[in-house]
Amino acid sequence: MNHNFEIRLRWHNGSPTEREIGGDYSHEAIITSDKHAALVASAAGGFGGDVRLWNPEELLMAALAQCHMLSFLYAAHEAGIEIVDYVDETTGTMNYQGGSGAMTSVTLRPTIETTASAGDVDRLHEEAEAMCVLRASVNFPVNVESVTTLPGANLN
């Protein structure tokens, strides 16, 4: 079964905004879809972009984190395990040298609020890893460092 997705990425040749760092051209783009609100994105700050806007590396990390979370919640639902809260503090590393680079790793750090045992939560993470399509689509390690807490913990 195939699923197809469509977005529109638009960049307009204009002068950089005053919030962008250097450069002779704008680093901002608008990402739209018929079904979603527009998302304004930029290059990362180290590449002359606006640090207040999402950059491609952060969007990739967010996509991996959300894919894992949705797969984890599905596995928990199927196992009859109640998840009260899920907060992920994701980090990523990119190596950039000589005009080229690549993401080298992403680490998901979810804190899971549940009455399930840490062993059950670990098993759900393993199932999520196997189910997450985006994780299977990247060629760098996506690590999970999970913490399990009992209900009532404030995960803000």
C-alpha atoms as a PDB file:
ATOM      1  CA  MET A   1       0.000   0.000   0.000  1.00  0.00           C
ATOM      2  CA  ASN A   2       1.469   3.353  -1.033  1.00  0.00           C
ATOM      3  CA  HIS A   3       0.804   6.650   0.691  1.00  0.00           C
ATOM      4  CA  ASN A   4       1.505   9.822  -1.227  1.00  0.00           C
ATOM      5  CA  PHE A   5       2.235  13.219   0.301  1.00  0.00           C
ATOM      6  CA  GLU A   6       2.443  16.649  -1.283  1.00  0.00           C
ATOM      7  CA  ILE A   7       3.881  19.913  -0.073  1.00  0.00           C
ATOM      8  CA  ARG A   8       4.837  23.134  -1.772  1.00  0.00           C
ATOM      9  CA  LEU A   9       8.101  24.859  -0.920  1.00  0.00           C
ATOM     10  CA  ARG A  10       8.355  28.498  -2.008  1.00  0.00           C
ATOM     11  CA  TRP A  11      11.358  30.787  -1.887  1.00  0.00           C
ATOM     12  CA  HIS A  12      11.195  34.242  -3.397  1.00  0.00           C
ATOM     13  CA  ASN A  13      14.277  36.104  -4.611  1.00  0.00           C
ATOM     14  CA  GLY A  14      14.295  39.062  -2.291  1.00  0.00           C
ATOM     15  CA  SER A  15      16.698  40.712   0.060  1.00  0.00           C
ATOM     16  CA  PRO A  16      17.370  38.987   3.360  1.00  0.00           C
ATOM     17  CA  THR A  17      15.281  40.113   6.290  1.00  0.00           C
ATOM     18  CA  GLU A  18      17.083  42.070   8.969  1.00  0.00           C
ATOM     19  CA  ARG A  19      16.781  39.124  11.352  1.00  0.00           C
ATOM     20  CA  GLU A  20      18.827  36.859   9.095  1.00  0.00           C
ATOM     21  CA  ILE A  21      22.564  36.641   9.613  1.00  0.00           C
ATOM     22  CA  GLY A  22      24.550  37.961   6.673  1.00  0.00           C
ATOM     23  CA  GLY A  23      24.298  36.739   3.136  1.00  0.00           C
ATOM     24  CA  ASP A  24      23.161  38.394  -0.044  1.00  0.00           C
ATOM     25  CA  TYR A  25      19.925  36.442  -0.345  1.00  0.00           C
ATOM     26  CA  SER A  26      17.072  35.375   1.876  1.00  0.00           C
ATOM     27  CA  HIS A  27      17.318  32.015   3.617  1.00  0.00           C
ATOM     28  CA  GLU A  28      13.580  31.862   4.370  1.00  0.00           C
ATOM     29  CA  ALA A  29      11.104  29.578   2.644  1.00  0.00           C
ATOM     30  CA  ILE A  30       7.410  28.938   3.117  1.00  0.00           C
ATOM     31  CA  ILE A  31       6.223  25.337   3.226  1.00  0.00           C
ATOM     32  CA  THR A  32       2.526  24.841   2.485  1.00  0.00           C
ATOM     33  CA  SER A  33       0.053  22.093   1.813  1.00  0.00           C
ATOM     34  CA  ASP A  34      -3.617  22.212   0.911  1.00  0.00           C
ATOM     35  CA  LYS A  35      -4.332  20.589   4.268  1.00  0.00           C
ATOM     36  CA  HIS A  36      -2.067  22.474   6.701  1.00  0.00           C
ATOM     37  CA  ALA A  37      -1.149  25.911   7.938  1.00  0.00           C
ATOM     38  CA  ALA A  38       1.941  27.426   6.368  1.00  0.00           C
ATOM     39  CA  LEU A  39       5.298  26.825   8.005  1.00  0.00           C
ATOM     40  CA  VAL A  40       8.024  29.449   7.616  1.00  0.00           C
ATOM     41  CA  ALA A  41      11.485  27.901   7.739  1.00  0.00           C
ATOM     42  CA  SER A  42      15.050  29.078   7.361  1.00  0.00           C
ATOM     43  CA  ALA A  43      18.587  27.786   7.342  1.00  0.00           C
ATOM     44  CA  ALA A  44      20.189  27.031  10.695  1.00  0.00           C
ATOM     45  CA  GLY A  45      21.848  30.015  12.348  1.00  0.00           C
ATOM     46  CA  GLY A  46      25.314  28.703  11.520  1.00  0.00           C
ATOM     47  CA  PHE A  47      24.391  28.796   7.838  1.00  0.00           C
ATOM     48  CA  GLY A  48      23.122  32.375   7.800  1.00  0.00           C
ATOM     49  CA  GLY A  49      19.513  31.618   8.714  1.00  0.00           C
ATOM     50  CA  ASP A  50      17.113  33.000  11.249  1.00  0.00           C
ATOM     51  CA  VAL A  51      17.511  31.093  14.520  1.00  0.00           C
ATOM     52  CA  ARG A  52      13.885  31.903  15.431  1.00  0.00           C
ATOM     53  CA  LEU A  53      12.585  29.778  12.552  1.00  0.00           C
ATOM     54  CA  TRP A  54      12.607  26.014  12.066  1.00  0.00           C
ATOM     55  CA  ASN A  55      15.517  24.724   9.993  1.00  0.00           C
ATOM     56  CA  PRO A  56      15.753  21.503   7.933  1.00  0.00           C
ATOM     57  CA  GLU A  57      17.800  19.672  10.564  1.00  0.00           C
ATOM     58  CA  GLU A  58      15.269  20.463  13.305  1.00  0.00           C
ATOM     59  CA  LEU A  59      12.392  19.456  11.040  1.00  0.00           C
ATOM     60  CA  LEU A  60      14.098  16.115  10.363  1.00  0.00           C
ATOM     61  CA  MET A  61      14.593  15.562  14.094  1.00  0.00           C
ATOM     62  CA  ALA A  62      10.968  16.530  14.797  1.00  0.00           C
ATOM     63  CA  ALA A  63       9.753  14.108  12.130  1.00  0.00           C
ATOM     64  CA  LEU A  64      11.795  11.258  13.629  1.00  0.00           C
ATOM     65  CA  ALA A  65      10.632  12.068  17.160  1.00  0.00           C
ATOM     66  CA  GLN A  66       6.981  12.255  16.141  1.00  0.00           C
ATOM     67  CA  CYS A  67       7.165   9.072  14.068  1.00  0.00           C
ATOM     68  CA  HIS A  68       8.656   7.190  17.026  1.00  0.00           C
ATOM     69  CA  MET A  69       6.067   8.660  19.414  1.00  0.00           C
ATOM     70  CA  LEU A  70       3.127   7.732  17.189  1.00  0.00           C
ATOM     71  CA  SER A  71       4.501   4.213  16.697  1.00  0.00           C
ATOM     72  CA  PHE A  72       5.087   3.900  20.462  1.00  0.00           C
ATOM     73  CA  LEU A  73       1.552   5.077  21.289  1.00  0.00           C
ATOM     74  CA  TYR A  74       0.092   2.648  18.743  1.00  0.00           C
ATOM     75  CA  ALA A  75       2.074  -0.240  20.242  1.00  0.00           C
ATOM     76  CA  ALA A  76       0.938   0.781  23.743  1.00  0.00           C
ATOM     77  CA  HIS A  77      -2.691   0.972  22.610  1.00  0.00           C
ATOM     78  CA  GLU A  78      -2.489  -2.462  20.993  1.00  0.00           C
ATOM     79  CA  ALA A  79      -0.940  -3.901  24.186  1.00  0.00           C
ATOM     80  CA  GLY A  80      -3.589  -2.278  26.391  1.00  0.00           C
ATOM     81  CA  ILE A  81      -0.994  -0.147  28.175  1.00  0.00           C
ATOM     82  CA  GLU A  82      -2.130   3.321  29.224  1.00  0.00           C
ATOM     83  CA  ILE A  83       0.276   6.163  28.561  1.00  0.00           C
ATOM     84  CA  VAL A  84      -0.553   9.291  30.574  1.00  0.00           C
ATOM     85  CA  ASP A  85       2.077  11.651  29.177  1.00  0.00           C
ATOM     86  CA  TYR A  86       4.983  11.574  26.710  1.00  0.00           C
ATOM     87  CA  VAL A  87       7.656  14.281  26.497  1.00  0.00           C
ATOM     88  CA  ASP A  88      10.688  13.899  24.228  1.00  0.00           C
ATOM     89  CA  GLU A  89      13.807  16.067  24.464  1.00  0.00           C
ATOM     90  CA  THR A  90      15.421  15.152  21.128  1.00  0.00           C
ATOM     91  CA  THR A  91      18.972  16.077  20.148  1.00  0.00           C
ATOM     92  CA  GLY A  92      20.854  15.617  16.909  1.00  0.00           C
ATOM     93  CA  THR A  93      24.367  15.950  15.549  1.00  0.00           C
ATOM     94  CA  MET A  94      25.426  17.045  12.100  1.00  0.00           C
ATOM     95  CA  ASN A  95      28.984  16.826  10.803  1.00  0.00           C
ATOM     96  CA  TYR A  96      29.770  19.546   8.270  1.00  0.00           C
ATOM     97  CA  GLN A  97      33.142  19.815   6.536  1.00  0.00           C
ATOM     98  CA  GLY A  98      34.371  21.176   3.255  1.00  0.00           C
ATOM     99  CA  GLY A  99      31.016  22.412   1.988  1.00  0.00           C
ATOM    100  CA  SER A 100      29.117  19.184   2.640  1.00  0.00           C
ATOM    101  CA  GLY A 101      27.650  17.473   5.624  1.00  0.00           C
ATOM    102  CA  ALA A 102      25.279  14.900   7.008  1.00  0.00           C
ATOM    103  CA  MET A 103      23.318  14.185  10.133  1.00  0.00           C
ATOM    104  CA  THR A 104      25.364  11.621  12.057  1.00  0.00           C
ATOM    105  CA  SER A 105      22.956  10.760  14.867  1.00  0.00           C
ATOM    106  CA  VAL A 106      19.689  11.646  16.560  1.00  0.00           C
ATOM    107  CA  THR A 107      18.897  10.763  20.148  1.00  0.00           C
ATOM    108  CA  LEU A 108      15.299  10.601  21.338  1.00  0.00           C
ATOM    109  CA  ARG A 109      14.940  11.130  25.080  1.00  0.00           C
ATOM    110  CA  PRO A 110      11.297  10.421  25.869  1.00  0.00           C
ATOM    111  CA  THR A 111      10.015  10.526  29.415  1.00  0.00           C
ATOM    112  CA  ILE A 112       6.956   8.297  29.622  1.00  0.00           C
ATOM    113  CA  GLU A 113       4.356   8.678  32.367  1.00  0.00           C
ATOM    114  CA  THR A 114       2.625   5.317  32.852  1.00  0.00           C
ATOM    115  CA  THR A 115       1.872   2.606  35.400  1.00  0.00           C
ATOM    116  CA  ALA A 116       3.517   0.037  33.100  1.00  0.00           C
ATOM    117  CA  SER A 117       6.883  -1.406  34.078  1.00  0.00           C
ATOM    118  CA  ALA A 118      10.112  -0.047  32.612  1.00  0.00           C
ATOM    119  CA  GLY A 119      10.503  -3.426  30.868  1.00  0.00           C
ATOM    120  CA  ASP A 120       7.120  -3.040  29.173  1.00  0.00           C
ATOM    121  CA  VAL A 121       8.053   0.483  28.105  1.00  0.00           C
ATOM    122  CA  ASP A 122      11.364  -0.768  26.682  1.00  0.00           C
ATOM    123  CA  ARG A 123       9.469  -3.410  24.689  1.00  0.00           C
ATOM    124  CA  LEU A 124       7.123  -0.732  23.328  1.00  0.00           C
ATOM    125  CA  HIS A 125      10.153   1.315  22.226  1.00  0.00           C
ATOM    126  CA  GLU A 126      11.519  -1.736  20.397  1.00  0.00           C
ATOM    127  CA  GLU A 127       8.183  -2.191  18.623  1.00  0.00           C
ATOM    128  CA  ALA A 128       8.090   1.523  17.763  1.00  0.00           C
ATOM    129  CA  GLU A 129      11.603   1.291  16.325  1.00  0.00           C
ATOM    130  CA  ALA A 130      10.493  -1.519  14.032  1.00  0.00           C
ATOM    131  CA  MET A 131       7.321   0.334  12.948  1.00  0.00           C
ATOM    132  CA  CYS A 132       8.662   3.855  12.376  1.00  0.00           C
ATOM    133  CA  VAL A 133       8.935   4.380   8.613  1.00  0.00           C
ATOM    134  CA  LEU A 134      11.060   7.508   8.928  1.00  0.00           C
ATOM    135  CA  ARG A 135      13.578   5.764  11.156  1.00  0.00           C
ATOM    136  CA  ALA A 136      13.943   3.079   8.506  1.00  0.00           C
ATOM    137  CA  SER A 137      14.462   5.831   5.916  1.00  0.00           C
ATOM    138  CA  VAL A 138      17.587   7.434   7.396  1.00  0.00           C
ATOM    139  CA  ASN A 139      21.151   6.140   7.251  1.00  0.00           C
ATOM    140  CA  PHE A 140      22.318   7.298  10.684  1.00  0.00           C
ATOM    141  CA  PRO A 141      21.632   5.931  14.159  1.00  0.00           C
ATOM    142  CA  VAL A 142      18.474   6.997  15.978  1.00  0.00           C
ATOM    143  CA  ASN A 143      19.015   6.186  19.640  1.00  0.00           C
ATOM    144  CA  VAL A 144      16.393   6.052  22.380  1.00  0.00           C
ATOM    145  CA  GLU A 145      17.191   6.948  25.989  1.00  0.00           C
ATOM    146  CA  SER A 146      13.870   6.559  27.777  1.00  0.00           C
ATOM    147  CA  VAL A 147      12.799   7.351  31.329  1.00  0.00           C
ATOM    148  CA  THR A 148       9.614   5.898  32.844  1.00  0.00           C
ATOM    149  CA  THR A 149       7.742   7.764  35.581  1.00  0.00           C
ATOM    150  CA  LEU A 150       4.577   7.028  37.523  1.00  0.00           C
ATOM    151  CA  PRO A 151       1.385   9.049  36.960  1.00  0.00           C
ATOM    152  CA  GLY A 152       1.351  12.340  38.760  1.00  0.00           C
ATOM    153  CA  ALA A 153       4.830  13.381  37.654  1.00  0.00           C
ATOM    154  CA  ASN A 154       4.748  16.768  35.978  1.00  0.00           C
ATOM    155  CA  LEU A 155       6.482  16.392  32.599  1.00  0.00           C
ATOM    156  CA  ASN A 156       6.161  19.986  31.406  1.00  0.00           C
END
